[in-house]
């Protein structure tokens, strides 16, 4: 009786281990199974490619925005950002106006890093 229980538990453990390996192989992100453990680097992953693409897109946006808001490499607060005709008349806002409004709501621009922070 004791041997048959041990044999059943052993068969069950082997079956569960095989089911686990099959699941890993079938449900991995790129269908490569568990082979990525030995041969797969982060630089070869889809996530890395997405991160690089996002960073490149951010650099392109920065280049476009730098041309729009900077003069000689420095933020030009007198640059016109919004020029609209409203029911109250013509409204114009410069980059400086928007920065001052943002500071009222807790946003701060870190010029050298070109980043926007929230809070103090």
PDB file of N, CA and C in Angstrom:
ATOM      1  N   UNK A   1       0.818  -1.201   0.000  1.00  0.00           N
ATOM      2  CA  UNK A   1       0.000   0.000   0.000  1.00  0.00           C
ATOM      3  C   UNK A   1       0.862   1.267   0.000  1.00  0.00           C
ATOM      4  N   UNK A   2       1.904   1.265   0.857  1.00  0.00           N
ATOM      5  CA  UNK A   2       2.772   2.412   0.964  1.00  0.00           C
ATOM      6  C   UNK A   2       3.527   2.648  -0.352  1.00  0.00           C
ATOM      7  N   UNK A   3       3.962   1.548  -1.011  1.00  0.00           N
ATOM      8  CA  UNK A   3       4.680   1.672  -2.273  1.00  0.00           C
ATOM      9  C   UNK A   3       3.775   2.225  -3.378  1.00  0.00           C
ATOM     10  N   UNK A   4       2.543   1.815  -3.396  1.00  0.00           N
ATOM     11  CA  UNK A   4       1.633   2.288  -4.447  1.00  0.00           C
ATOM     12  C   UNK A   4       1.336   3.773  -4.271  1.00  0.00           C
ATOM     13  N   UNK A   5       1.250   4.268  -3.048  1.00  0.00           N
ATOM     14  CA  UNK A   5       1.024   5.700  -2.798  1.00  0.00           C
ATOM     15  C   UNK A   5       2.241   6.498  -3.260  1.00  0.00           C
ATOM     16  N   UNK A   6       3.436   5.987  -2.955  1.00  0.00           N
ATOM     17  CA  UNK A   6       4.665   6.660  -3.388  1.00  0.00           C
ATOM     18  C   UNK A   6       4.757   6.666  -4.908  1.00  0.00           C
ATOM     19  N   UNK A   7       4.416   5.555  -5.546  1.00  0.00           N
ATOM     20  CA  UNK A   7       4.441   5.465  -6.998  1.00  0.00           C
ATOM     21  C   UNK A   7       3.445   6.442  -7.623  1.00  0.00           C
ATOM     22  N   UNK A   8       2.256   6.532  -7.072  1.00  0.00           N
ATOM     23  CA  UNK A   8       1.243   7.464  -7.579  1.00  0.00           C
ATOM     24  C   UNK A   8       1.716   8.912  -7.416  1.00  0.00           C
ATOM     25  N   UNK A   9       2.290   9.238  -6.267  1.00  0.00           N
ATOM     26  CA  UNK A   9       2.806  10.598  -6.036  1.00  0.00           C
ATOM     27  C   UNK A   9       3.946  10.921  -7.004  1.00  0.00           C
ATOM     28  N   UNK A  10       4.801   9.926  -7.270  1.00  0.00           N
ATOM     29  CA  UNK A  10       5.904  10.136  -8.208  1.00  0.00           C
ATOM     30  C   UNK A  10       5.378  10.391  -9.621  1.00  0.00           C
ATOM     31  N   UNK A  11       4.433   9.595 -10.054  1.00  0.00           N
ATOM     32  CA  UNK A  11       3.833   9.769 -11.384  1.00  0.00           C
ATOM     33  C   UNK A  11       3.146  11.130 -11.468  1.00  0.00           C
ATOM     34  N   UNK A  12       2.437  11.514 -10.423  1.00  0.00           N
ATOM     35  CA  UNK A  12       1.767  12.804 -10.385  1.00  0.00           C
ATOM     36  C   UNK A  12       2.782  13.956 -10.462  1.00  0.00           C
ATOM     37  N   UNK A  13       3.903  13.844  -9.747  1.00  0.00           N
ATOM     38  CA  UNK A  13       4.929  14.886  -9.765  1.00  0.00           C
ATOM     39  C   UNK A  13       5.555  15.009 -11.153  1.00  0.00           C
ATOM     40  N   UNK A  14       5.850  13.888 -11.784  1.00  0.00           N
ATOM     41  CA  UNK A  14       6.422  13.920 -13.125  1.00  0.00           C
ATOM     42  C   UNK A  14       5.420  14.523 -14.115  1.00  0.00           C
ATOM     43  N   UNK A  15       4.155  14.167 -13.993  1.00  0.00           N
ATOM     44  CA  UNK A  15       3.118  14.695 -14.871  1.00  0.00           C
ATOM     45  C   UNK A  15       2.986  16.210 -14.689  1.00  0.00           C
ATOM     46  N   UNK A  16       2.993  16.681 -13.461  1.00  0.00           N
ATOM     47  CA  UNK A  16       2.898  18.118 -13.198  1.00  0.00           C
ATOM     48  C   UNK A  16       4.126  18.861 -13.728  1.00  0.00           C
ATOM     49  N   UNK A  17       5.313  18.275 -13.580  1.00  0.00           N
ATOM     50  CA  UNK A  17       6.524  18.918 -14.096  1.00  0.00           C
ATOM     51  C   UNK A  17       6.461  19.023 -15.614  1.00  0.00           C
ATOM     52  N   UNK A  18       6.048  17.964 -16.288  1.00  0.00           N
ATOM     53  CA  UNK A  18       5.910  18.007 -17.739  1.00  0.00           C
ATOM     54  C   UNK A  18       4.870  19.027 -18.176  1.00  0.00           C
ATOM     55  N   UNK A  19       3.756  19.081 -17.469  1.00  0.00           N
ATOM     56  CA  UNK A  19       2.710  20.057 -17.795  1.00  0.00           C
ATOM     57  C   UNK A  19       3.247  21.481 -17.626  1.00  0.00           C
ATOM     58  N   UNK A  20       4.073  21.702 -16.614  1.00  0.00           N
ATOM     59  CA  UNK A  20       4.671  23.017 -16.399  1.00  0.00           C
ATOM     60  C   UNK A  20       5.600  23.413 -17.532  1.00  0.00           C
ATOM     61  N   UNK A  21       6.453  22.488 -17.968  1.00  0.00           N
ATOM     62  CA  UNK A  21       7.362  22.779 -19.076  1.00  0.00           C
ATOM     63  C   UNK A  21       6.604  23.027 -20.374  1.00  0.00           C
ATOM     64  N   UNK A  22       5.560  22.260 -20.607  1.00  0.00           N
ATOM     65  CA  UNK A  22       4.744  22.453 -21.807  1.00  0.00           C
ATOM     66  C   UNK A  22       4.064  23.816 -21.759  1.00  0.00           C
ATOM     67  N   UNK A  23       3.568  24.198 -20.595  1.00  0.00           N
ATOM     68  CA  UNK A  23       2.938  25.514 -20.452  1.00  0.00           C
ATOM     69  C   UNK A  23       3.938  26.634 -20.689  1.00  0.00           C
ATOM     70  N   UNK A  24       5.155  26.502 -20.142  1.00  0.00           N
ATOM     71  CA  UNK A  24       6.181  27.520 -20.365  1.00  0.00           C
ATOM     72  C   UNK A  24       6.507  27.648 -21.844  1.00  0.00           C
ATOM     73  N   UNK A  25       6.589  26.525 -22.523  1.00  0.00           N
ATOM     74  CA  UNK A  25       6.925  26.541 -23.954  1.00  0.00           C
ATOM     75  C   UNK A  25       5.796  27.171 -24.764  1.00  0.00           C
ATOM     76  N   UNK A  26       4.573  26.819 -24.442  1.00  0.00           N
ATOM     77  CA  UNK A  26       3.446  27.286 -25.228  1.00  0.00           C
ATOM     78  C   UNK A  26       3.024  28.708 -24.953  1.00  0.00           C
ATOM     79  N   UNK A  27       3.248  29.198 -23.747  1.00  0.00           N
ATOM     80  CA  UNK A  27       2.722  30.516 -23.376  1.00  0.00           C
ATOM     81  C   UNK A  27       3.795  31.569 -23.161  1.00  0.00           C
ATOM     82  N   UNK A  28       5.015  31.334 -23.617  1.00  0.00           N
ATOM     83  CA  UNK A  28       6.028  32.375 -23.486  1.00  0.00           C
ATOM     84  C   UNK A  28       5.681  33.515 -24.443  1.00  0.00           C
ATOM     85  N   UNK A  29       6.236  34.692 -24.199  1.00  0.00           N
ATOM     86  CA  UNK A  29       5.882  35.890 -24.969  1.00  0.00           C
ATOM     87  C   UNK A  29       6.148  35.737 -26.459  1.00  0.00           C
ATOM     88  N   UNK A  30       7.218  35.084 -26.802  1.00  0.00           N
ATOM     89  CA  UNK A  30       7.592  35.010 -28.212  1.00  0.00           C
ATOM     90  C   UNK A  30       7.617  33.581 -28.738  1.00  0.00           C
ATOM     91  N   UNK A  31       7.040  32.631 -27.994  1.00  0.00           N
ATOM     92  CA  UNK A  31       6.988  31.255 -28.442  1.00  0.00           C
ATOM     93  C   UNK A  31       8.315  30.533 -28.372  1.00  0.00           C
ATOM     94  N   UNK A  32       9.263  31.083 -27.622  1.00  0.00           N
ATOM     95  CA  UNK A  32      10.583  30.462 -27.535  1.00  0.00           C
ATOM     96  C   UNK A  32      10.690  29.515 -26.354  1.00  0.00           C
ATOM     97  N   UNK A  33       9.631  29.406 -25.560  1.00  0.00           N
ATOM     98  CA  UNK A  33       9.641  28.485 -24.428  1.00  0.00           C
ATOM     99  C   UNK A  33      10.680  28.861 -23.407  1.00  0.00           C
ATOM    100  N   UNK A  34      11.305  27.837 -22.807  1.00  0.00           N
ATOM    101  CA  UNK A  34      12.297  28.111 -21.768  1.00  0.00           C
ATOM    102  C   UNK A  34      13.711  28.212 -22.312  1.00  0.00           C
ATOM    103  N   UNK A  35      13.877  28.148 -23.619  1.00  0.00           N
ATOM    104  CA  UNK A  35      15.219  28.265 -24.198  1.00  0.00           C
ATOM    105  C   UNK A  35      15.818  29.641 -23.949  1.00  0.00           C
ATOM    106  N   UNK A  36      14.982  30.657 -23.697  1.00  0.00           N
ATOM    107  CA  UNK A  36      15.481  32.006 -23.450  1.00  0.00           C
ATOM    108  C   UNK A  36      16.312  32.079 -22.180  1.00  0.00           C
ATOM    109  N   UNK A  37      16.185  31.110 -21.293  1.00  0.00           N
ATOM    110  CA  UNK A  37      16.932  31.151 -20.030  1.00  0.00           C
ATOM    111  C   UNK A  37      18.432  31.150 -20.298  1.00  0.00           C
ATOM    112  N   UNK A  38      18.878  30.353 -21.260  1.00  0.00           N
ATOM    113  CA  UNK A  38      20.309  30.240 -21.533  1.00  0.00           C
ATOM    114  C   UNK A  38      20.801  31.175 -22.635  1.00  0.00           C
ATOM    115  N   UNK A  39      19.982  31.452 -23.627  1.00  0.00           N
ATOM    116  CA  UNK A  39      20.491  32.150 -24.807  1.00  0.00           C
ATOM    117  C   UNK A  39      19.898  33.533 -25.018  1.00  0.00           C
ATOM    118  N   UNK A  40      18.957  33.933 -24.243  1.00  0.00           N
ATOM    119  CA  UNK A  40      18.205  35.149 -24.512  1.00  0.00           C
ATOM    120  C   UNK A  40      18.733  36.289 -23.657  1.00  0.00           C
ATOM    121  N   UNK A  41      19.050  37.412 -24.290  1.00  0.00           N
ATOM    122  CA  UNK A  41      19.477  38.588 -23.544  1.00  0.00           C
ATOM    123  C   UNK A  41      18.384  39.645 -23.615  1.00  0.00           C
ATOM    124  N   UNK A  42      18.408  40.565 -22.684  1.00  0.00           N
ATOM    125  CA  UNK A  42      17.398  41.618 -22.649  1.00  0.00           C
ATOM    126  C   UNK A  42      17.449  42.464 -23.920  1.00  0.00           C
ATOM    127  N   UNK A  43      18.629  42.669 -24.453  1.00  0.00           N
ATOM    128  CA  UNK A  43      18.782  43.475 -25.660  1.00  0.00           C
ATOM    129  C   UNK A  43      18.109  42.837 -26.869  1.00  0.00           C
ATOM    130  N   UNK A  44      17.852  41.531 -26.819  1.00  0.00           N
ATOM    131  CA  UNK A  44      17.179  40.830 -27.911  1.00  0.00           C
ATOM    132  C   UNK A  44      15.662  40.782 -27.737  1.00  0.00           C
ATOM    133  N   UNK A  45      15.158  41.353 -26.657  1.00  0.00           N
ATOM    134  CA  UNK A  45      13.737  41.213 -26.349  1.00  0.00           C
ATOM    135  C   UNK A  45      12.888  42.286 -27.024  1.00  0.00           C
ATOM    136  N   UNK A  46      11.613  41.999 -27.123  1.00  0.00           N
ATOM    137  CA  UNK A  46      10.653  42.955 -27.671  1.00  0.00           C
ATOM    138  C   UNK A  46      10.549  44.172 -26.754  1.00  0.00           C
ATOM    139  N   UNK A  47      10.627  43.945 -25.447  1.00  0.00           N
ATOM    140  CA  UNK A  47      10.528  45.049 -24.499  1.00  0.00           C
ATOM    141  C   UNK A  47      11.666  46.048 -24.698  1.00  0.00           C
ATOM    142  N   UNK A  48      12.887  45.548 -24.940  1.00  0.00           N
ATOM    143  CA  UNK A  48      14.025  46.434 -25.171  1.00  0.00           C
ATOM    144  C   UNK A  48      13.818  47.245 -26.445  1.00  0.00           C
ATOM    145  N   UNK A  49      13.351  46.580 -27.495  1.00  0.00           N
ATOM    146  CA  UNK A  49      13.089  47.284 -28.755  1.00  0.00           C
ATOM    147  C   UNK A  49      12.055  48.381 -28.564  1.00  0.00           C
ATOM    148  N   UNK A  50      11.005  48.091 -27.790  1.00  0.00           N
ATOM    149  CA  UNK A  50       9.981  49.098 -27.517  1.00  0.00           C
ATOM    150  C   UNK A  50      10.561  50.280 -26.741  1.00  0.00           C
ATOM    151  N   UNK A  51      11.411  49.991 -25.752  1.00  0.00           N
ATOM    152  CA  UNK A  51      12.009  51.067 -24.968  1.00  0.00           C
ATOM    153  C   UNK A  51      12.894  51.956 -25.839  1.00  0.00           C
ATOM    154  N   UNK A  52      13.698  51.346 -26.705  1.00  0.00           N
ATOM    155  CA  UNK A  52      14.570  52.121 -27.586  1.00  0.00           C
ATOM    156  C   UNK A  52      13.734  52.965 -28.545  1.00  0.00           C
ATOM    157  N   UNK A  53      12.682  52.367 -29.100  1.00  0.00           N
ATOM    158  CA  UNK A  53      11.808  53.123 -30.015  1.00  0.00           C
ATOM    159  C   UNK A  53      11.174  54.313 -29.317  1.00  0.00           C
ATOM    160  N   UNK A  54      10.710  54.110 -28.088  1.00  0.00           N
ATOM    161  CA  UNK A  54      10.103  55.216 -27.329  1.00  0.00           C
ATOM    162  C   UNK A  54      11.127  56.306 -27.029  1.00  0.00           C
ATOM    163  N   UNK A  55      12.352  55.913 -26.680  1.00  0.00           N
ATOM    164  CA  UNK A  55      13.390  56.902 -26.405  1.00  0.00           C
ATOM    165  C   UNK A  55      13.741  57.703 -27.653  1.00  0.00           C
ATOM    166  N   UNK A  56      13.841  57.030 -28.790  1.00  0.00           N
ATOM    167  CA  UNK A  56      14.150  57.730 -30.041  1.00  0.00           C
ATOM    168  C   UNK A  56      13.028  58.695 -30.399  1.00  0.00           C
ATOM    169  N   UNK A  57      11.775  58.257 -30.208  1.00  0.00           N
ATOM    170  CA  UNK A  57      10.644  59.143 -30.480  1.00  0.00           C
ATOM    171  C   UNK A  57      10.677  60.357 -29.547  1.00  0.00           C
ATOM    172  N   UNK A  58      11.062  60.147 -28.291  1.00  0.00           N
ATOM    173  CA  UNK A  58      11.182  61.256 -27.348  1.00  0.00           C
ATOM    174  C   UNK A  58      12.264  62.242 -27.756  1.00  0.00           C
ATOM    175  N   UNK A  59      13.372  61.734 -28.258  1.00  0.00           N
ATOM    176  CA  UNK A  59      14.456  62.609 -28.715  1.00  0.00           C
ATOM    177  C   UNK A  59      14.000  63.425 -29.923  1.00  0.00           C
ATOM    178  N   UNK A  60      13.249  62.787 -30.839  1.00  0.00           N
ATOM    179  CA  UNK A  60      12.732  63.518 -31.990  1.00  0.00           C
ATOM    180  C   UNK A  60      11.761  64.615 -31.557  1.00  0.00           C
ATOM    181  N   UNK A  61      10.880  64.300 -30.587  1.00  0.00           N
ATOM    182  CA  UNK A  61       9.942  65.310 -30.082  1.00  0.00           C
ATOM    183  C   UNK A  61      10.697  66.455 -29.425  1.00  0.00           C
ATOM    184  N   UNK A  62      11.758  66.123 -28.683  1.00  0.00           N
ATOM    185  CA  UNK A  62      12.560  67.159 -28.032  1.00  0.00           C
ATOM    186  C   UNK A  62      13.206  68.072 -29.063  1.00  0.00           C
ATOM    187  N   UNK A  63      13.702  67.497 -30.143  1.00  0.00           N
ATOM    188  CA  UNK A  63      14.326  68.315 -31.188  1.00  0.00           C
ATOM    189  C   UNK A  63      13.315  69.267 -31.807  1.00  0.00           C
ATOM    190  N   UNK A  64      12.107  68.773 -32.069  1.00  0.00           N
ATOM    191  CA  UNK A  64      11.070  69.620 -32.657  1.00  0.00           C
ATOM    192  C   UNK A  64      10.664  70.719 -31.675  1.00  0.00           C
ATOM    193  N   UNK A  65      10.454  70.337 -30.407  1.00  0.00           N
ATOM    194  CA  UNK A  65      10.044  71.330 -29.416  1.00  0.00           C
ATOM    195  C   UNK A  65      11.148  72.326 -29.118  1.00  0.00           C
ATOM    196  N   UNK A  66      12.390  71.875 -29.172  1.00  0.00           N
ATOM    197  CA  UNK A  66      13.501  72.802 -28.940  1.00  0.00           C
ATOM    198  C   UNK A  66      13.510  73.890 -29.996  1.00  0.00           C
ATOM    199  N   UNK A  67      13.276  73.516 -31.241  1.00  0.00           N
ATOM    200  CA  UNK A  67      13.226  74.516 -32.301  1.00  0.00           C
ATOM    201  C   UNK A  67      12.061  75.477 -32.097  1.00  0.00           C
ATOM    202  N   UNK A  68      10.961  74.978 -31.544  1.00  0.00           N
ATOM    203  CA  UNK A  68       9.773  75.808 -31.379  1.00  0.00           C
ATOM    204  C   UNK A  68       9.877  76.757 -30.189  1.00  0.00           C
ATOM    205  N   UNK A  69      10.584  76.363 -29.129  1.00  0.00           N
ATOM    206  CA  UNK A  69      10.564  77.149 -27.896  1.00  0.00           C
ATOM    207  C   UNK A  69      11.914  77.722 -27.481  1.00  0.00           C
ATOM    208  N   UNK A  70      12.959  77.427 -28.209  1.00  0.00           N
ATOM    209  CA  UNK A  70      14.274  77.916 -27.806  1.00  0.00           C
ATOM    210  C   UNK A  70      14.836  78.908 -28.819  1.00  0.00           C
ATOM    211  N   UNK A  71      15.670  79.804 -28.285  1.00  0.00           N
ATOM    212  CA  UNK A  71      16.437  80.721 -29.110  1.00  0.00           C
ATOM    213  C   UNK A  71      17.888  80.591 -28.659  1.00  0.00           C
ATOM    214  N   UNK A  72      18.756  80.235 -29.577  1.00  0.00           N
ATOM    215  CA  UNK A  72      20.184  80.030 -29.274  1.00  0.00           C
ATOM    216  C   UNK A  72      20.386  79.022 -28.144  1.00  0.00           C
ATOM    217  N   UNK A  73      19.584  77.959 -28.126  1.00  0.00           N
ATOM    218  CA  UNK A  73      19.743  76.891 -27.143  1.00  0.00           C
ATOM    219  C   UNK A  73      19.157  77.164 -25.769  1.00  0.00           C
ATOM    220  N   UNK A  74      18.526  78.293 -25.582  1.00  0.00           N
ATOM    221  CA  UNK A  74      17.924  78.644 -24.297  1.00  0.00           C
ATOM    222  C   UNK A  74      16.420  78.816 -24.474  1.00  0.00           C
ATOM    223  N   UNK A  75      15.665  78.461 -23.435  1.00  0.00           N
ATOM    224  CA  UNK A  75      14.218  78.635 -23.468  1.00  0.00           C
ATOM    225  C   UNK A  75      13.883  80.112 -23.633  1.00  0.00           C
ATOM    226  N   UNK A  76      13.071  80.411 -24.607  1.00  0.00           N
ATOM    227  CA  UNK A  76      12.658  81.787 -24.888  1.00  0.00           C
ATOM    228  C   UNK A  76      11.219  81.933 -24.394  1.00  0.00           C
ATOM    229  N   UNK A  77      11.070  82.551 -23.216  1.00  0.00           N
ATOM    230  CA  UNK A  77       9.740  82.677 -22.611  1.00  0.00           C
ATOM    231  C   UNK A  77       8.838  83.643 -23.367  1.00  0.00           C
ATOM    232  N   UNK A  78       9.398  84.411 -24.298  1.00  0.00           N
ATOM    233  CA  UNK A  78       8.567  85.348 -25.053  1.00  0.00           C
ATOM    234  C   UNK A  78       7.979  84.707 -26.313  1.00  0.00           C
ATOM    235  N   UNK A  79       8.318  83.445 -26.584  1.00  0.00           N
ATOM    236  CA  UNK A  79       7.785  82.766 -27.769  1.00  0.00           C
ATOM    237  C   UNK A  79       6.284  82.577 -27.633  1.00  0.00           C
ATOM    238  N   UNK A  80       5.566  82.901 -28.691  1.00  0.00           N
ATOM    239  CA  UNK A  80       4.109  82.765 -28.715  1.00  0.00           C
ATOM    240  C   UNK A  80       3.731  81.289 -28.839  1.00  0.00           C
ATOM    241  N   UNK A  81       2.870  80.825 -27.929  1.00  0.00           N
ATOM    242  CA  UNK A  81       2.453  79.425 -27.926  1.00  0.00           C
ATOM    243  C   UNK A  81       1.006  79.291 -28.369  1.00  0.00           C
ATOM    244  N   UNK A  82       0.135  80.154 -27.844  1.00  0.00           N
ATOM    245  CA  UNK A  82      -1.296  80.088 -28.159  1.00  0.00           C
ATOM    246  C   UNK A  82      -1.747  81.451 -28.666  1.00  0.00           C
ATOM    247  N   UNK A  83      -2.436  81.429 -29.792  1.00  0.00           N
ATOM    248  CA  UNK A  83      -3.019  82.650 -30.356  1.00  0.00           C
ATOM    249  C   UNK A  83      -4.410  82.255 -30.844  1.00  0.00           C
ATOM    250  N   UNK A  84      -5.443  82.639 -30.089  1.00  0.00           N
ATOM    251  CA  UNK A  84      -6.790  82.173 -30.424  1.00  0.00           C
ATOM    252  C   UNK A  84      -7.797  83.309 -30.326  1.00  0.00           C
ATOM    253  N   UNK A  85      -8.789  83.238 -31.190  1.00  0.00           N
ATOM    254  CA  UNK A  85      -9.925  84.158 -31.115  1.00  0.00           C
ATOM    255  C   UNK A  85     -11.018  83.456 -30.315  1.00  0.00           C
ATOM    256  N   UNK A  86     -11.417  84.066 -29.206  1.00  0.00           N
ATOM    257  CA  UNK A  86     -12.462  83.488 -28.357  1.00  0.00           C
ATOM    258  C   UNK A  86     -13.627  84.462 -28.256  1.00  0.00           C
ATOM    259  N   UNK A  87     -14.659  84.051 -27.539  1.00  0.00           N
ATOM    260  CA  UNK A  87     -15.809  84.937 -27.353  1.00  0.00           C
ATOM    261  C   UNK A  87     -15.428  86.161 -26.515  1.00  0.00           C
ATOM    262  N   UNK A  88     -14.338  86.064 -25.752  1.00  0.00           N
ATOM    263  CA  UNK A  88     -13.850  87.186 -24.949  1.00  0.00           C
ATOM    264  C   UNK A  88     -12.842  88.046 -25.701  1.00  0.00           C
ATOM    265  N   UNK A  89     -12.610  87.735 -26.945  1.00  0.00           N
ATOM    266  CA  UNK A  89     -11.631  88.484 -27.732  1.00  0.00           C
ATOM    267  C   UNK A  89     -10.438  87.612 -28.066  1.00  0.00           C
ATOM    268  N   UNK A  90      -9.406  88.242 -28.524  1.00  0.00           N
ATOM    269  CA  UNK A  90      -8.198  87.514 -28.916  1.00  0.00           C
ATOM    270  C   UNK A  90      -7.354  87.218 -27.689  1.00  0.00           C
ATOM    271  N   UNK A  91      -6.950  85.945 -27.556  1.00  0.00           N
ATOM    272  CA  UNK A  91      -6.144  85.506 -26.411  1.00  0.00           C
ATOM    273  C   UNK A  91      -4.791  85.043 -26.934  1.00  0.00           C
ATOM    274  N   UNK A  92      -3.727  85.527 -26.324  1.00  0.00           N
ATOM    275  CA  UNK A  92      -2.378  85.085 -26.681  1.00  0.00           C
ATOM    276  C   UNK A  92      -1.648  84.698 -25.402  1.00  0.00           C
ATOM    277  N   UNK A  93      -0.917  83.603 -25.480  1.00  0.00           N
ATOM    278  CA  UNK A  93      -0.121  83.129 -24.344  1.00  0.00           C
ATOM    279  C   UNK A  93       1.281  82.807 -24.839  1.00  0.00           C
ATOM    280  N   UNK A  94       2.262  83.224 -24.085  1.00  0.00           N
ATOM    281  CA  UNK A  94       3.652  82.925 -24.415  1.00  0.00           C
ATOM    282  C   UNK A  94       4.094  81.707 -23.603  1.00  0.00           C
ATOM    283  N   UNK A  95       5.281  81.213 -23.914  1.00  0.00           N
ATOM    284  CA  UNK A  95       5.822  80.080 -23.164  1.00  0.00           C
ATOM    285  C   UNK A  95       5.970  80.447 -21.690  1.00  0.00           C
ATOM    286  N   UNK A  96       6.364  81.673 -21.415  1.00  0.00           N
ATOM    287  CA  UNK A  96       6.495  82.128 -20.027  1.00  0.00           C
ATOM    288  C   UNK A  96       5.161  82.140 -19.307  1.00  0.00           C
ATOM    289  N   UNK A  97       4.091  82.570 -20.003  1.00  0.00           N
ATOM    290  CA  UNK A  97       2.754  82.565 -19.401  1.00  0.00           C
ATOM    291  C   UNK A  97       2.350  81.148 -19.000  1.00  0.00           C
ATOM    292  N   UNK A  98       2.620  80.195 -19.873  1.00  0.00           N
ATOM    293  CA  UNK A  98       2.230  78.806 -19.591  1.00  0.00           C
ATOM    294  C   UNK A  98       3.072  78.230 -18.459  1.00  0.00           C
ATOM    295  N   UNK A  99       4.357  78.563 -18.419  1.00  0.00           N
ATOM    296  CA  UNK A  99       5.197  78.096 -17.314  1.00  0.00           C
ATOM    297  C   UNK A  99       4.731  78.667 -15.982  1.00  0.00           C
ATOM    298  N   UNK A 100       4.383  79.949 -15.963  1.00  0.00           N
ATOM    299  CA  UNK A 100       3.897  80.557 -14.716  1.00  0.00           C
ATOM    300  C   UNK A 100       2.568  79.931 -14.287  1.00  0.00           C
ATOM    301  N   UNK A 101       1.701  79.666 -15.243  1.00  0.00           N
ATOM    302  CA  UNK A 101       0.425  79.011 -14.924  1.00  0.00           C
ATOM    303  C   UNK A 101       0.673  77.595 -14.402  1.00  0.00           C
ATOM    304  N   UNK A 102       1.612  76.891 -15.011  1.00  0.00           N
ATOM    305  CA  UNK A 102       1.937  75.543 -14.550  1.00  0.00           C
ATOM    306  C   UNK A 102       2.474  75.545 -13.130  1.00  0.00           C
ATOM    307  N   UNK A 103       3.290  76.553 -12.774  1.00  0.00           N
ATOM    308  CA  UNK A 103       3.835  76.632 -11.414  1.00  0.00           C
ATOM    309  C   UNK A 103       2.728  76.816 -10.388  1.00  0.00           C
ATOM    310  N   UNK A 104       1.659  77.518 -10.774  1.00  0.00           N
ATOM    311  CA  UNK A 104       0.519  77.679  -9.863  1.00  0.00           C
ATOM    312  C   UNK A 104      -0.112  76.341  -9.516  1.00  0.00           C
ATOM    313  N   UNK A 105      -0.037  75.392 -10.454  1.00  0.00           N
ATOM    314  CA  UNK A 105      -0.627  74.072 -10.247  1.00  0.00           C
ATOM    315  C   UNK A 105       0.404  73.031  -9.821  1.00  0.00           C
ATOM    316  N   UNK A 106       1.621  73.468  -9.482  1.00  0.00           N
ATOM    317  CA  UNK A 106       2.626  72.563  -8.946  1.00  0.00           C
ATOM    318  C   UNK A 106       3.566  71.932  -9.953  1.00  0.00           C
ATOM    319  N   UNK A 107       3.556  72.390 -11.205  1.00  0.00           N
ATOM    320  CA  UNK A 107       4.459  71.844 -12.218  1.00  0.00           C
ATOM    321  C   UNK A 107       5.704  72.714 -12.301  1.00  0.00           C
ATOM    322  N   UNK A 108       6.859  72.074 -12.420  1.00  0.00           N
ATOM    323  CA  UNK A 108       8.116  72.799 -12.542  1.00  0.00           C
ATOM    324  C   UNK A 108       8.893  72.256 -13.733  1.00  0.00           C
ATOM    325  N   UNK A 109       9.520  73.142 -14.479  1.00  0.00           N
ATOM    326  CA  UNK A 109      10.323  72.744 -15.630  1.00  0.00           C
ATOM    327  C   UNK A 109      11.787  72.754 -15.233  1.00  0.00           C
ATOM    328  N   UNK A 110      12.446  71.622 -15.423  1.00  0.00           N
ATOM    329  CA  UNK A 110      13.880  71.527 -15.201  1.00  0.00           C
ATOM    330  C   UNK A 110      14.549  71.736 -16.545  1.00  0.00           C
ATOM    331  N   UNK A 111      15.013  72.930 -16.801  1.00  0.00           N
ATOM    332  CA  UNK A 111      15.538  73.313 -18.103  1.00  0.00           C
ATOM    333  C   UNK A 111      16.659  72.444 -18.636  1.00  0.00           C
ATOM    334  N   UNK A 112      17.747  72.247 -17.860  1.00  0.00           N
ATOM    335  CA  UNK A 112      18.866  71.474 -18.401  1.00  0.00           C
ATOM    336  C   UNK A 112      18.482  70.033 -18.763  1.00  0.00           C
ATOM    337  N   UNK A 113      17.569  69.454 -17.996  1.00  0.00           N
ATOM    338  CA  UNK A 113      17.177  68.065 -18.265  1.00  0.00           C
ATOM    339  C   UNK A 113      15.947  67.964 -19.167  1.00  0.00           C
ATOM    340  N   UNK A 114      15.350  69.094 -19.488  1.00  0.00           N
ATOM    341  CA  UNK A 114      14.146  69.124 -20.310  1.00  0.00           C
ATOM    342  C   UNK A 114      13.074  68.194 -19.732  1.00  0.00           C
ATOM    343  N   UNK A 115      12.861  68.292 -18.428  1.00  0.00           N
ATOM    344  CA  UNK A 115      11.860  67.429 -17.814  1.00  0.00           C
ATOM    345  C   UNK A 115      10.892  68.270 -16.976  1.00  0.00           C
ATOM    346  N   UNK A 116       9.687  67.772 -16.875  1.00  0.00           N
ATOM    347  CA  UNK A 116       8.625  68.421 -16.121  1.00  0.00           C
ATOM    348  C   UNK A 116       8.409  67.636 -14.851  1.00  0.00           C
ATOM    349  N   UNK A 117       8.456  68.291 -13.709  1.00  0.00           N
ATOM    350  CA  UNK A 117       8.233  67.603 -12.442  1.00  0.00           C
ATOM    351  C   UNK A 117       6.987  68.174 -11.776  1.00  0.00           C
ATOM    352  N   UNK A 118       6.375  67.360 -10.963  1.00  0.00           N
ATOM    353  CA  UNK A 118       5.184  67.773 -10.231  1.00  0.00           C
ATOM    354  C   UNK A 118       5.555  67.864  -8.761  1.00  0.00           C
ATOM    355  N   UNK A 119       5.153  68.938  -8.117  1.00  0.00           N
ATOM    356  CA  UNK A 119       5.438  69.122  -6.694  1.00  0.00           C
ATOM    357  C   UNK A 119       6.566  70.122  -6.490  1.00  0.00           C
ATOM    358  N   UNK A 120       7.112  70.113  -5.280  1.00  0.00           N
ATOM    359  CA  UNK A 120       8.148  71.095  -4.921  1.00  0.00           C
ATOM    360  C   UNK A 120       9.417  70.786  -5.604  1.00  0.00           C
TER     361      UNK A 120
END
